[in-house]
């Protein structure tokens, strides 16, 4: 069962809603922590529940390589596998295998059929198609799965952008066909979202939006390398297509949430769902969110925190801020103690989730 209901309005183009999935309901707008390989680094499922996470992401590219979708299915699906009883979304892996290709020459070759790539783990060769990427996600068992797409890289010229966008549309038709063919008894077990590409070109974004919308899918995502890296670009890309979007379909802005203020900006632009690896990645590098700072974070590695008795952020209610000082976190970080990574990740994710809640549901 998958439904989306609008429940209220927020400043600018923001809105609140209820997203119903087989593993529970989600109050939107929602920030989704990223658990790439079926784990949010250093955190347990109970940790995630304590900070208010409603849904997490996993990535098909990584799970396809290890342990493999058949293994996850044999273990009862991703929810049982990782002991997380709430909703899960999987990305198809299209962005990941292409971004790795840009980092390492010849790691991935895109053709009309699909993507041939070499594993970043052991160099073995694999091939993903819209059909196999869709099947893989269905076997993994996520509540929401993404269509296989040809992501438009940041800075792509118009010719490159339109070629990737058109291929994404042809791949979407194939993803939809596979998804529909695999519905047991005619009842969808997962919701398939199509992805709007088009780079930073307004006409291509509108062209892509019209095509994705025409497929009448349960959800719509806006993707591409430019989305997420710069929130102003993301909000502009949403602005290009806002008038075309169906009101009762959730909009997922992929890869957004480097800073807490990004959350408010993308909600105002009209996004219902968004995710980013940045909160936990920055935490591991010593950058801990503090909303009173101009940069929105403090660098716990700095010597000035060695004897600082204050919490990371006095306005934060997370386990880290209510129990530990900056001095202790500075010590843990300098010592490379494993506890640091858990406490830091708890804090950054809680700040991101709390920012969304405080903005969208101030009386909750």
Protein backbone atom coordinates (compact mmCIF):
# COMPACT_ATOMS: atom_id res chain seq x y z
CA UNK A 1 0.00 0.00 0.00
CA UNK A 2 1.46 3.33 -1.07
CA UNK A 3 -0.36 6.64 -0.72
CA UNK A 4 0.58 10.29 -0.41
CA UNK A 5 -1.75 12.84 1.16
CA UNK A 6 -1.14 16.58 1.51
CA UNK A 7 -1.95 17.78 5.03
CA UNK A 8 -0.92 21.44 5.08
CA UNK A 9 1.00 24.34 3.62
CA UNK A 10 4.37 25.80 4.59
CA UNK A 11 6.08 29.09 3.61
CA UNK A 12 6.74 29.65 -0.07
CA UNK A 13 6.01 26.40 -1.94
CA UNK A 14 6.46 24.06 1.02
CA UNK A 15 3.86 21.60 2.23
CA UNK A 16 3.31 18.86 4.79
CA UNK A 17 2.02 15.40 4.00
CA UNK A 18 1.66 11.77 4.97
CA UNK A 19 3.41 9.08 2.93
CA UNK A 20 2.05 5.58 3.53
CA UNK A 21 4.27 2.56 2.81
CA UNK A 22 4.17 -1.16 3.64
CA UNK A 23 6.52 -0.52 6.59
CA UNK A 24 4.79 2.50 8.08
CA UNK A 25 3.79 6.09 7.48
CA UNK A 26 6.17 9.00 7.03
CA UNK A 27 5.43 12.61 7.90
CA UNK A 28 6.77 14.84 5.16
CA UNK A 29 8.83 16.87 4.53
CA UNK A 30 11.45 14.35 5.60
CA UNK A 31 15.22 14.14 5.64
CA UNK A 32 16.39 10.59 4.98
CA UNK A 33 19.71 9.40 6.48
CA UNK A 34 21.88 7.46 4.04
CA UNK A 35 22.76 3.85 4.88
CA UNK A 36 24.58 2.98 1.67
CA UNK A 37 25.38 -0.69 2.39
CA UNK A 38 22.35 -1.32 4.66
CA UNK A 39 23.87 0.55 7.58
CA UNK A 40 24.13 4.19 8.56
CA UNK A 41 27.80 4.28 9.48
CA UNK A 42 28.45 3.72 13.22
CA UNK A 43 24.76 3.82 14.18
CA UNK A 44 22.31 1.11 15.23
CA UNK A 45 18.64 1.01 14.24
CA UNK A 46 17.71 2.08 17.78
CA UNK A 47 20.07 5.05 17.46
CA UNK A 48 18.22 6.09 14.31
CA UNK A 49 14.85 5.75 15.99
CA UNK A 50 16.04 7.90 18.91
CA UNK A 51 17.01 10.79 16.63
CA UNK A 52 13.67 10.66 14.80
CA UNK A 53 14.64 8.99 11.53
CA UNK A 54 11.54 7.80 9.70
CA UNK A 55 13.08 6.29 6.58
CA UNK A 56 16.62 5.49 5.48
CA UNK A 57 18.33 4.95 2.15
CA UNK A 58 20.41 2.08 0.87
CA UNK A 59 22.16 1.85 -2.47
CA UNK A 60 21.54 -0.80 -5.09
CA UNK A 61 24.98 -0.42 -6.70
CA UNK A 62 26.76 -1.34 -3.47
CA UNK A 63 24.32 -4.06 -2.36
CA UNK A 64 24.33 -5.52 -5.87
CA UNK A 65 28.09 -6.08 -5.51
CA UNK A 66 28.04 -7.18 -1.87
CA UNK A 67 26.34 -9.23 -0.50
CA UNK A 68 24.12 -9.41 -3.62
CA UNK A 69 20.33 -8.96 -3.92
CA UNK A 70 19.68 -12.72 -3.78
CA UNK A 71 21.48 -12.93 -0.44
CA UNK A 72 19.45 -10.06 0.99
CA UNK A 73 16.24 -11.67 -0.27
CA UNK A 74 17.18 -15.03 1.28
CA UNK A 75 17.72 -13.26 4.60
CA UNK A 76 14.15 -12.00 4.53
CA UNK A 77 14.69 -8.70 2.74
CA UNK A 78 16.54 -5.59 3.75
CA UNK A 79 14.33 -4.78 6.74
CA UNK A 80 15.03 -8.09 8.47
CA UNK A 81 18.60 -8.16 7.22
CA UNK A 82 19.48 -4.90 8.98
CA UNK A 83 16.81 -5.12 11.73
CA UNK A 84 15.10 -1.90 10.65
CA UNK A 85 11.31 -2.13 10.75
CA UNK A 86 10.61 1.25 9.15
CA UNK A 87 10.55 2.30 5.47
CA UNK A 88 13.60 1.96 3.22
CA UNK A 89 14.37 3.59 -0.13
CA UNK A 90 17.00 2.25 -2.51
CA UNK A 91 18.71 4.26 -5.20
CA UNK A 92 19.19 2.32 -8.42
CA UNK A 93 22.95 2.91 -8.48
CA UNK A 94 23.07 4.81 -11.76
CA UNK A 95 24.65 7.88 -10.22
CA UNK A 96 27.19 5.87 -8.20
CA UNK A 97 28.58 3.77 -11.04
CA UNK A 98 28.88 6.85 -13.25
CA UNK A 99 30.51 8.99 -10.56
CA UNK A 100 33.02 6.22 -9.90
CA UNK A 101 33.69 6.09 -13.62
CA UNK A 102 34.60 9.78 -13.58
CA UNK A 103 37.00 9.14 -10.71
CA UNK A 104 38.63 6.08 -12.25
CA UNK A 105 38.94 5.96 -16.05
CA UNK A 106 37.13 3.10 -17.83
CA UNK A 107 35.39 1.88 -14.69
CA UNK A 108 32.01 2.24 -16.42
CA UNK A 109 30.81 2.20 -20.05
CA UNK A 110 27.29 3.39 -20.84
CA UNK A 111 25.40 1.96 -23.81
CA UNK A 112 21.78 1.88 -24.85
CA UNK A 113 21.44 -1.57 -23.27
CA UNK A 114 22.78 -0.57 -19.89
CA UNK A 115 26.00 0.06 -17.99
CA UNK A 116 29.03 -2.19 -17.98
CA UNK A 117 31.25 -1.46 -15.01
CA UNK A 118 34.10 -2.80 -12.94
CA UNK A 119 33.61 -3.29 -9.24
CA UNK A 120 35.43 -0.78 -7.06
CA UNK A 121 35.89 -3.68 -4.60
CA UNK A 122 37.75 -6.27 -6.67
CA UNK A 123 37.76 -5.07 -10.28
CA UNK A 124 35.32 -7.73 -11.48
CA UNK A 125 33.11 -6.81 -14.46
CA UNK A 126 29.33 -6.47 -14.12
CA UNK A 127 26.44 -5.24 -16.22
CA UNK A 128 23.34 -3.39 -15.01
CA UNK A 129 20.31 -2.73 -17.18
CA UNK A 130 17.06 -1.00 -16.31
CA UNK A 131 15.52 -4.45 -15.91
CA UNK A 132 18.24 -5.95 -13.72
CA UNK A 133 18.55 -2.80 -11.58
CA UNK A 134 14.80 -2.86 -10.98
CA UNK A 135 14.79 -6.59 -10.19
CA UNK A 136 17.72 -6.15 -7.85
CA UNK A 137 15.94 -3.47 -5.84
CA UNK A 138 12.75 -5.52 -5.70
CA UNK A 139 14.72 -8.51 -4.40
CA UNK A 140 16.40 -6.31 -1.82
CA UNK A 141 12.89 -5.44 -0.68
CA UNK A 142 12.89 -1.66 -0.28
CA UNK A 143 9.56 0.15 0.03
CA UNK A 144 10.58 2.76 -2.56
CA UNK A 145 12.82 1.96 -5.51
CA UNK A 146 14.33 4.22 -8.14
CA UNK A 147 14.29 3.82 -11.90
CA UNK A 148 17.70 3.24 -13.50
CA UNK A 149 18.92 6.51 -14.98
CA UNK A 150 21.78 8.08 -16.89
CA UNK A 151 22.79 10.87 -14.55
CA UNK A 152 23.78 14.19 -16.14
CA UNK A 153 27.14 15.25 -14.69
CA UNK A 154 27.69 18.75 -13.37
CA UNK A 155 28.84 21.12 -16.10
CA UNK A 156 27.62 18.90 -18.95
CA UNK A 157 27.01 20.68 -22.23
CA UNK A 158 23.59 20.70 -23.87
CA UNK A 159 24.30 17.82 -26.24
CA UNK A 160 25.53 15.59 -23.44
CA UNK A 161 22.60 16.58 -21.23
CA UNK A 162 19.93 15.83 -23.83
CA UNK A 163 21.52 12.49 -24.78
CA UNK A 164 21.58 11.38 -21.12
CA UNK A 165 18.06 12.67 -20.55
CA UNK A 166 16.64 10.86 -23.56
CA UNK A 167 18.40 7.65 -22.53
CA UNK A 168 16.99 8.05 -19.02
CA UNK A 169 13.50 8.20 -20.55
CA UNK A 170 14.02 5.06 -22.62
CA UNK A 171 15.44 3.32 -19.55
CA UNK A 172 12.47 4.52 -17.48
CA UNK A 173 10.03 2.79 -19.83
CA UNK A 174 12.00 -0.43 -19.41
CA UNK A 175 12.18 0.00 -15.61
CA UNK A 176 8.43 0.55 -15.45
CA UNK A 177 7.75 -2.52 -17.58
CA UNK A 178 9.91 -4.70 -15.33
CA UNK A 179 8.30 -3.27 -12.20
CA UNK A 180 4.79 -3.90 -13.53
CA UNK A 181 5.64 -7.42 -14.69
CA UNK A 182 6.92 -8.37 -11.24
CA UNK A 183 3.91 -7.27 -9.20
CA UNK A 184 2.76 -10.42 -7.30
CA UNK A 185 -0.95 -10.86 -7.84
CA UNK A 186 -1.17 -7.45 -9.43
CA UNK A 187 -0.37 -5.66 -6.13
CA UNK A 188 2.75 -3.47 -6.08
CA UNK A 189 5.08 -4.34 -3.23
CA UNK A 190 7.32 -1.34 -3.92
CA UNK A 191 6.72 2.17 -5.22
CA UNK A 192 8.78 3.06 -8.29
CA UNK A 193 9.96 6.66 -8.66
CA UNK A 194 11.07 8.10 -11.99
CA UNK A 195 13.96 10.57 -12.12
CA UNK A 196 13.96 13.95 -13.84
CA UNK A 197 17.29 14.70 -15.48
CA UNK A 198 18.20 17.61 -17.77
CA UNK A 199 21.18 19.21 -16.09
CA UNK A 200 20.90 22.94 -15.47
CA UNK A 201 18.94 23.60 -18.66
CA UNK A 202 15.42 24.84 -17.98
CA UNK A 203 13.95 23.50 -21.23
CA UNK A 204 15.46 20.04 -20.68
CA UNK A 205 14.24 19.92 -17.08
CA UNK A 206 10.71 20.74 -18.25
CA UNK A 207 10.96 18.24 -21.09
CA UNK A 208 12.14 15.56 -18.64
CA UNK A 209 9.49 16.45 -16.08
CA UNK A 210 6.70 16.12 -18.64
CA UNK A 211 7.94 12.69 -19.67
CA UNK A 212 8.38 11.34 -16.13
CA UNK A 213 5.00 12.72 -15.06
CA UNK A 214 3.36 11.03 -18.05
CA UNK A 215 4.30 7.62 -16.62
CA UNK A 216 1.90 8.10 -13.68
CA UNK A 217 4.30 6.67 -11.12
CA UNK A 218 3.86 6.80 -7.32
CA UNK A 219 6.64 9.37 -6.95
CA UNK A 220 8.94 11.73 -8.84
CA UNK A 221 12.58 12.53 -8.15
CA UNK A 222 14.79 15.28 -9.47
CA UNK A 223 18.38 14.14 -9.95
CA UNK A 224 21.68 14.76 -11.64
CA UNK A 225 25.10 15.75 -10.32
CA UNK A 226 24.11 19.42 -10.07
CA UNK A 227 21.28 18.60 -7.68
CA UNK A 228 22.43 18.58 -4.07
CA UNK A 229 25.89 20.07 -4.62
CA UNK A 230 24.53 23.62 -4.59
CA UNK A 231 21.18 24.25 -2.94
CA UNK A 232 20.52 27.36 -5.02
CA UNK A 233 20.91 25.23 -8.16
CA UNK A 234 18.58 22.62 -6.71
CA UNK A 235 15.89 25.13 -5.87
CA UNK A 236 16.26 26.72 -9.32
CA UNK A 237 15.90 23.33 -11.01
CA UNK A 238 12.73 22.68 -9.00
CA UNK A 239 11.49 26.14 -9.96
CA UNK A 240 11.90 25.23 -13.64
CA UNK A 241 9.34 22.43 -13.29
CA UNK A 242 7.17 23.41 -10.33
CA UNK A 243 4.08 24.30 -12.37
CA UNK A 244 4.17 20.90 -14.09
CA UNK A 245 4.31 18.74 -10.95
CA UNK A 246 1.15 16.85 -9.92
CA UNK A 247 0.01 18.05 -6.49
CA UNK A 248 -0.61 14.62 -4.97
CA UNK A 249 2.70 13.04 -5.95
CA UNK A 250 5.73 13.27 -3.63
CA UNK A 251 8.79 15.10 -4.95
CA UNK A 252 12.18 13.71 -3.95
CA UNK A 253 15.21 16.02 -4.29
CA UNK A 254 18.16 13.66 -4.48
CA UNK A 255 21.37 14.34 -2.58
CA UNK A 256 20.31 17.53 -0.77
CA UNK A 257 21.38 18.36 2.79
CA UNK A 258 25.00 19.41 3.18
CA UNK A 259 24.06 22.10 5.71
CA UNK A 260 20.96 22.35 7.94
CA UNK A 261 19.88 25.50 6.08
CA UNK A 262 19.75 23.43 2.89
CA UNK A 263 16.84 21.53 4.40
CA UNK A 264 14.74 24.65 4.86
CA UNK A 265 15.61 25.95 1.40
CA UNK A 266 14.62 22.76 -0.41
CA UNK A 267 11.41 22.42 1.60
CA UNK A 268 10.44 25.97 0.63
CA UNK A 269 11.17 25.06 -2.99
CA UNK A 270 8.59 22.27 -2.80
CA UNK A 271 10.52 19.08 -2.01
CA UNK A 272 8.81 16.47 0.17
CA UNK A 273 11.80 14.14 0.57
CA UNK A 274 15.56 14.62 0.44
CA UNK A 275 18.75 12.87 1.51
CA UNK A 276 22.48 13.44 1.75
CA UNK A 277 25.59 11.57 2.92
CA UNK A 278 27.08 14.85 4.18
CA UNK A 279 25.87 14.85 7.81
CA UNK A 280 27.66 11.60 8.69
CA UNK A 281 30.59 12.22 6.34
CA UNK A 282 31.24 15.67 7.81
CA UNK A 283 30.86 14.26 11.31
CA UNK A 284 33.63 11.75 10.66
CA UNK A 285 35.87 14.64 9.51
CA UNK A 286 35.29 16.63 12.70
CA UNK A 287 32.71 19.09 11.37
CA UNK A 288 29.82 19.15 13.82
CA UNK A 289 26.69 21.16 13.13
CA UNK A 290 26.07 24.27 15.24
CA UNK A 291 23.24 26.48 14.03
CA UNK A 292 24.57 29.59 15.74
CA UNK A 293 27.78 29.50 13.69
CA UNK A 294 27.97 31.34 10.35
CA UNK A 295 29.30 28.20 8.65
CA UNK A 296 26.68 26.12 10.54
CA UNK A 297 29.37 23.89 12.05
CA UNK A 298 32.35 23.85 14.38
CA UNK A 299 35.60 22.02 13.65
CA UNK A 300 36.07 19.89 16.75
CA UNK A 301 39.69 19.28 15.79
CA UNK A 302 40.62 22.86 16.72
CA UNK A 303 42.74 23.30 19.84
CA UNK A 304 40.34 25.87 21.30
CA UNK A 305 37.93 23.06 22.17
CA UNK A 306 40.41 21.11 24.32
CA UNK A 307 38.94 22.44 27.58
CA UNK A 308 35.53 23.58 26.32
CA UNK A 309 32.79 22.43 28.71
CA UNK A 310 29.90 23.38 26.43
CA UNK A 311 27.93 20.88 24.32
CA UNK A 312 28.38 20.97 20.55
CA UNK A 313 25.12 22.92 20.22
CA UNK A 314 23.27 24.07 23.32
CA UNK A 315 19.95 24.00 21.42
CA UNK A 316 20.33 20.35 20.42
CA UNK A 317 18.55 17.60 22.35
CA UNK A 318 20.58 14.65 21.05
CA UNK A 319 22.34 12.09 23.24
CA UNK A 320 25.69 13.63 22.38
CA UNK A 321 24.79 17.18 23.36
CA UNK A 322 22.94 16.21 26.53
CA UNK A 323 25.77 14.04 27.85
CA UNK A 324 29.15 15.11 26.49
CA UNK A 325 31.31 18.22 26.19
CA UNK A 326 33.18 19.64 23.24
CA UNK A 327 36.36 18.89 25.17
CA UNK A 328 35.53 15.19 25.32
CA UNK A 329 34.61 15.02 21.64
CA UNK A 330 37.83 16.88 20.80
CA UNK A 331 39.75 14.26 22.80
CA UNK A 332 37.95 11.35 21.10
CA UNK A 333 38.54 12.82 17.66
CA UNK A 334 42.23 13.41 18.31
CA UNK A 335 42.54 9.86 19.66
CA UNK A 336 40.59 8.40 16.73
CA UNK A 337 38.38 6.55 19.19
CA UNK A 338 35.46 4.69 17.65
CA UNK A 339 33.00 6.26 20.09
CA UNK A 340 33.65 9.63 18.45
CA UNK A 341 32.13 8.50 15.14
CA UNK A 342 28.93 7.35 16.79
CA UNK A 343 28.49 10.48 18.92
CA UNK A 344 29.33 12.80 16.04
CA UNK A 345 27.02 11.05 13.58
CA UNK A 346 24.17 11.02 16.11
CA UNK A 347 24.53 14.76 16.56
CA UNK A 348 24.73 15.78 12.91
CA UNK A 349 21.80 13.62 11.86
CA UNK A 350 19.71 14.79 14.80
CA UNK A 351 20.38 18.44 13.92
CA UNK A 352 19.31 17.82 10.31
CA UNK A 353 16.14 15.98 11.32
CA UNK A 354 15.34 18.50 14.06
CA UNK A 355 15.78 21.38 11.62
CA UNK A 356 13.12 19.84 9.38
CA UNK A 357 10.77 19.12 12.29
CA UNK A 358 11.14 22.57 13.85
CA UNK A 359 10.42 24.24 10.51
CA UNK A 360 7.59 22.01 9.30
CA UNK A 361 5.96 21.00 12.58
CA UNK A 362 6.80 23.77 15.09
CA UNK A 363 4.11 22.74 17.58
CA UNK A 364 4.92 19.01 17.50
